Amino acid sequence: MNPNDPRDPELMRKMAKDPAVQEAAQKLFLKSCEYRYTYNFSWLGRPIIQYPEDLVALQEVVWETKPDLIVETGVAHGGSLVFYASLLAILGGDRRVLGIDIEVRPHNRAAIESHVLSRLITLLEGSSIAQATVTEVLEFSKPYKSVMVVLDSMHSHAHVLAELRAYSPLVKAGGYLVVLDTVVEKMPKSFFPERPWGPGDNPMTAVQEFLKGTTRFVVDEEIGDRQLLSVAPGGFLRCLRDRD
């Protein structure tokens, strides 16, 4: 950590291990979900559907690692793509965001493609785990030296694990592979009555299985220690080396 950084790592670790703080945060998180709290926010005019704490953490990672390309699975309204594009615009240079979704709805596509930052955004429609899509992403990424990957599409164990295995090779030492919605593992099953995911079958279980088969990535515990309201506990994976 930068010696001029006012944050106190020891205090953050204590907060992360304080059961009273964590219990209060979990209660607030679950209660906020009842009111669709993540839908309250936008980024430069596009709905972003994320907790502000996660956006701050993602911004920190982008600023620290300065990726040339950010690949995100799951587009929705495009707020996250605009968020990443705005950060890359500040960094300057030949940087780009690639958004992948099985379906980009016409009104969302129109809004993204007409946005002032659209020059930095490429949309790819198709299943993120289909071989044709994976091949196209790998080919698209070749000119870029530093790639960050964010997984936020279908949240079942099998789907996320397939994404992890397909896109993790893009991330090199010092880069990040971020898996969102790992928090599903800590939520009641009743929160997902019509979804093919829930406790026991979700991004967190996929991350846990993925990490058993690689020495390249570790969970960045320091990011988790300083967050209270996050959809990605244990989901910020830091790459240690280019190969196992």
Protein backbone atom coordinates (compact mmCIF):
# COMPACT_ATOMS: atom_id res chain seq x y z
CA MET A 1 0.00 0.00 0.00
CA ASN A 2 1.16 3.53 -0.78
CA PRO A 3 2.85 5.03 2.34
CA ASN A 4 0.77 8.20 1.79
CA ASP A 5 -2.48 6.22 1.82
CA PRO A 6 -4.47 7.18 4.95
CA ARG A 7 -6.20 3.80 5.16
CA ASP A 8 -5.26 1.54 8.06
CA PRO A 9 -4.95 -2.12 6.91
CA GLU A 10 -4.99 -3.43 10.48
CA LEU A 11 -8.17 -1.53 11.28
CA MET A 12 -9.76 -2.88 8.08
CA ARG A 13 -8.85 -6.44 9.09
CA LYS A 14 -10.36 -5.90 12.52
CA MET A 15 -13.57 -4.59 10.96
CA ALA A 16 -13.72 -7.61 8.65
CA LYS A 17 -13.45 -9.94 11.65
CA ASP A 18 -15.87 -8.02 13.89
CA PRO A 19 -18.98 -10.25 14.04
CA ALA A 20 -21.24 -7.39 15.12
CA VAL A 21 -20.21 -5.23 12.15
CA GLN A 22 -20.51 -8.10 9.70
CA GLU A 23 -23.90 -9.17 11.03
CA ALA A 24 -25.22 -5.61 10.78
CA ALA A 25 -23.85 -5.29 7.24
CA GLN A 26 -25.44 -8.58 6.18
CA LYS A 27 -28.81 -7.54 7.59
CA LEU A 28 -28.61 -4.20 5.80
CA PHE A 29 -27.57 -5.89 2.56
CA LEU A 30 -30.46 -8.35 2.62
CA LYS A 31 -32.95 -5.65 3.58
CA SER A 32 -31.68 -3.36 0.81
CA CYS A 33 -32.29 -6.15 -1.72
CA GLU A 34 -36.00 -6.02 -0.88
CA TYR A 35 -36.02 -2.48 -2.24
CA ARG A 36 -33.89 -3.25 -5.34
CA TYR A 37 -31.26 -0.87 -3.98
CA THR A 38 -28.81 -1.45 -6.84
CA TYR A 39 -31.36 -0.04 -9.28
CA ASN A 40 -31.08 3.40 -7.62
CA PHE A 41 -27.88 4.35 -9.42
CA SER A 42 -26.62 5.29 -12.88
CA TRP A 43 -23.24 6.16 -14.37
CA LEU A 44 -23.09 9.01 -16.88
CA GLY A 45 -26.72 8.49 -17.78
CA ARG A 46 -26.92 4.67 -17.93
CA PRO A 47 -28.41 2.42 -15.19
CA ILE A 48 -25.52 0.54 -13.60
CA ILE A 49 -27.21 -1.90 -11.17
CA GLN A 50 -24.27 -2.17 -8.77
CA TYR A 51 -23.55 -1.27 -5.16
CA PRO A 52 -21.53 1.96 -4.88
CA GLU A 53 -18.87 0.21 -2.77
CA ASP A 54 -18.22 -2.27 -5.56
CA LEU A 55 -17.88 0.54 -8.08
CA VAL A 56 -15.31 2.25 -5.88
CA ALA A 57 -13.37 -1.02 -5.50
CA LEU A 58 -13.50 -1.68 -9.26
CA GLN A 59 -12.30 1.87 -9.92
CA GLU A 60 -9.37 1.30 -7.56
CA VAL A 61 -8.40 -1.87 -9.40
CA VAL A 62 -8.61 -0.19 -12.82
CA TRP A 63 -6.56 2.79 -11.63
CA GLU A 64 -3.92 0.57 -10.02
CA THR A 65 -3.54 -1.95 -12.85
CA LYS A 66 -4.34 0.30 -15.87
CA PRO A 67 -5.64 -2.43 -18.19
CA ASP A 68 -5.63 -1.91 -21.93
CA LEU A 69 -8.79 -3.99 -22.35
CA ILE A 70 -11.66 -4.73 -19.96
CA VAL A 71 -13.84 -7.68 -20.90
CA GLU A 72 -17.23 -7.86 -19.17
CA THR A 73 -19.78 -10.63 -19.53
CA GLY A 74 -23.32 -9.36 -18.98
CA VAL A 75 -24.35 -6.03 -20.49
CA ALA A 76 -27.90 -5.27 -19.23
CA HIS A 77 -28.42 -1.49 -19.62
CA GLY A 78 -24.74 -0.84 -20.33
CA GLY A 79 -23.98 1.21 -17.23
CA SER A 80 -20.96 -0.88 -16.31
CA LEU A 81 -19.56 -0.63 -19.83
CA VAL A 82 -19.88 3.16 -19.68
CA PHE A 83 -18.31 3.11 -16.19
CA TYR A 84 -15.25 1.21 -17.43
CA ALA A 85 -15.05 3.32 -20.60
CA SER A 86 -14.98 6.51 -18.53
CA LEU A 87 -12.08 5.19 -16.47
CA LEU A 88 -10.16 4.08 -19.54
CA ALA A 89 -10.79 7.46 -21.18
CA ILE A 90 -9.08 9.12 -18.22
CA LEU A 91 -6.13 6.72 -18.51
CA GLY A 92 -5.83 7.56 -22.20
CA GLY A 93 -4.11 5.61 -24.93
CA ASP A 94 -5.54 2.83 -27.08
CA ARG A 95 -7.83 1.21 -24.51
CA ARG A 96 -11.18 -0.49 -24.96
CA VAL A 97 -14.13 -2.20 -23.24
CA LEU A 98 -15.67 -5.37 -24.68
CA GLY A 99 -19.17 -6.24 -23.47
CA ILE A 100 -20.61 -9.71 -24.07
CA ASP A 101 -24.25 -10.71 -23.67
CA ILE A 102 -26.44 -13.45 -25.05
CA GLU A 103 -28.91 -10.70 -25.98
CA VAL A 104 -28.34 -6.96 -26.10
CA ARG A 105 -31.82 -5.49 -26.20
CA PRO A 106 -32.33 -2.99 -29.04
CA HIS A 107 -33.08 0.01 -26.79
CA ASN A 108 -30.00 -0.69 -24.68
CA ARG A 109 -27.82 -1.14 -27.75
CA ALA A 110 -29.09 2.14 -29.18
CA ALA A 111 -28.36 3.98 -25.91
CA ILE A 112 -24.87 2.49 -25.60
CA GLU A 113 -23.94 3.10 -29.22
CA SER A 114 -25.12 6.72 -29.04
CA HIS A 115 -23.30 7.45 -25.78
CA VAL A 116 -20.45 9.96 -25.82
CA LEU A 117 -18.07 7.16 -24.77
CA SER A 118 -19.28 4.65 -27.36
CA ARG A 119 -15.98 4.99 -29.25
CA LEU A 120 -14.36 2.96 -26.47
CA ILE A 121 -17.03 0.23 -26.31
CA THR A 122 -17.47 -2.89 -28.45
CA LEU A 123 -20.56 -5.09 -28.07
CA LEU A 124 -20.52 -8.81 -28.79
CA GLU A 125 -23.80 -10.71 -28.80
CA GLY A 126 -23.73 -14.41 -28.00
CA SER A 127 -23.44 -16.82 -25.07
CA SER A 128 -20.29 -16.02 -23.13
CA ILE A 129 -19.44 -19.72 -22.89
CA ALA A 130 -20.17 -20.70 -26.50
CA GLN A 131 -16.98 -21.74 -28.25
CA ALA A 132 -17.59 -19.30 -31.10
CA THR A 133 -17.89 -16.41 -28.64
CA VAL A 134 -14.83 -17.44 -26.65
CA THR A 135 -12.80 -17.74 -29.85
CA GLU A 136 -13.92 -14.27 -30.98
CA VAL A 137 -13.01 -12.75 -27.59
CA LEU A 138 -9.58 -14.38 -27.57
CA GLU A 139 -8.93 -13.07 -31.08
CA PHE A 140 -10.21 -9.58 -30.17
CA SER A 141 -7.89 -9.43 -27.15
CA LYS A 142 -4.66 -10.30 -28.99
CA PRO A 143 -3.49 -6.70 -29.60
CA TYR A 144 -3.87 -5.79 -25.91
CA LYS A 145 -1.07 -6.43 -23.44
CA SER A 146 -3.08 -6.05 -20.22
CA VAL A 147 -6.59 -7.46 -19.84
CA MET A 148 -9.03 -7.26 -16.93
CA VAL A 149 -12.05 -9.59 -16.90
CA VAL A 150 -15.33 -9.02 -15.06
CA LEU A 151 -17.92 -11.83 -14.95
CA ASP A 152 -21.52 -10.72 -14.44
CA SER A 153 -23.79 -12.74 -16.69
CA MET A 154 -25.65 -15.94 -15.79
CA HIS A 155 -24.89 -16.75 -12.15
CA SER A 156 -25.10 -20.55 -12.02
CA HIS A 157 -22.08 -22.56 -10.86
CA ALA A 158 -21.61 -24.33 -14.19
CA HIS A 159 -21.87 -21.16 -16.27
CA VAL A 160 -19.49 -19.09 -14.16
CA LEU A 161 -16.98 -21.94 -13.89
CA ALA A 162 -17.00 -22.25 -17.68
CA GLU A 163 -16.42 -18.48 -17.96
CA LEU A 164 -13.57 -18.64 -15.47
CA ARG A 165 -11.84 -21.38 -17.41
CA ALA A 166 -12.44 -19.70 -20.77
CA TYR A 167 -11.36 -16.15 -19.91
CA SER A 168 -8.81 -16.50 -17.10
CA PRO A 169 -5.97 -17.07 -19.62
CA LEU A 170 -6.48 -13.46 -20.78
CA VAL A 171 -5.37 -12.12 -17.39
CA LYS A 172 -1.65 -11.87 -16.74
CA ALA A 173 0.44 -11.33 -13.60
CA GLY A 174 -0.71 -8.28 -11.70
CA GLY A 175 -4.11 -8.20 -13.40
CA TYR A 176 -7.56 -8.96 -12.01
CA LEU A 177 -10.35 -11.38 -12.72
CA VAL A 178 -13.47 -10.16 -10.93
CA VAL A 179 -16.49 -12.38 -10.30
CA LEU A 180 -19.64 -10.53 -9.25
CA ASP A 181 -22.63 -11.90 -7.32
CA THR A 182 -20.62 -14.34 -5.22
CA VAL A 183 -22.85 -12.99 -2.43
CA VAL A 184 -25.61 -15.34 -3.63
CA GLU A 185 -23.99 -18.06 -1.50
CA LYS A 186 -24.76 -16.01 1.63
CA MET A 187 -28.38 -15.22 0.74
CA PRO A 188 -31.55 -17.19 1.51
CA LYS A 189 -32.80 -19.49 -1.24
CA SER A 190 -36.13 -17.66 -1.11
CA PHE A 191 -34.47 -14.67 -2.81
CA PHE A 192 -34.16 -16.67 -6.06
CA PRO A 193 -37.52 -18.42 -6.58
CA GLU A 194 -37.37 -18.36 -10.39
CA ARG A 195 -33.60 -18.46 -10.94
CA PRO A 196 -31.38 -21.44 -11.81
CA TRP A 197 -28.94 -20.38 -9.08
CA GLY A 198 -28.95 -19.97 -5.30
CA PRO A 199 -27.02 -21.13 -2.23
CA GLY A 200 -24.77 -24.05 -3.22
CA ASP A 201 -24.95 -23.23 -6.93
CA ASN A 202 -23.62 -19.78 -7.72
CA PRO A 203 -20.55 -17.69 -8.60
CA MET A 204 -18.90 -18.23 -5.21
CA THR A 205 -19.03 -22.02 -5.51
CA ALA A 206 -17.63 -21.67 -9.03
CA VAL A 207 -14.76 -19.50 -7.76
CA GLN A 208 -13.98 -22.00 -5.03
CA GLU A 209 -13.79 -24.87 -7.52
CA PHE A 210 -11.77 -22.80 -9.99
CA LEU A 211 -9.18 -21.85 -7.37
CA LYS A 212 -8.63 -25.51 -6.47
CA GLY A 213 -7.31 -26.10 -9.96
CA THR A 214 -4.94 -23.15 -10.35
CA THR A 215 -2.05 -21.46 -8.60
CA ARG A 216 -2.28 -18.37 -10.80
CA PHE A 217 -5.03 -16.58 -8.88
CA VAL A 218 -5.74 -15.73 -5.26
CA VAL A 219 -8.57 -13.86 -3.59
CA ASP A 220 -7.55 -10.28 -2.83
CA GLU A 221 -8.51 -10.35 0.84
CA GLU A 222 -7.55 -6.71 1.37
CA ILE A 223 -10.34 -5.54 -0.93
CA GLY A 224 -12.82 -7.75 0.91
CA ASP A 225 -11.64 -6.50 4.30
CA ARG A 226 -12.54 -2.90 3.55
CA GLN A 227 -15.99 -3.52 2.06
CA LEU A 228 -19.24 -3.85 3.97
CA LEU A 229 -21.92 -3.82 1.25
CA SER A 230 -20.71 -5.83 -1.73
CA VAL A 231 -22.10 -8.34 -4.20
CA ALA A 232 -18.62 -9.78 -4.68
CA PRO A 233 -17.18 -11.08 -1.39
CA GLY A 234 -14.19 -13.22 -2.30
CA GLY A 235 -14.73 -12.33 -5.95
CA PHE A 236 -11.77 -10.05 -6.62
CA LEU A 237 -9.11 -12.46 -7.88
CA ARG A 238 -5.57 -11.20 -8.34
CA CYS A 239 -3.31 -12.92 -10.86
CA LEU A 240 0.07 -13.93 -9.46
CA ARG A 241 1.77 -15.32 -12.55
CA ASP A 242 1.21 -15.78 -16.27
CA ARG A 243 1.20 -19.58 -16.11
CA ASP A 244 0.60 -22.32 -13.52
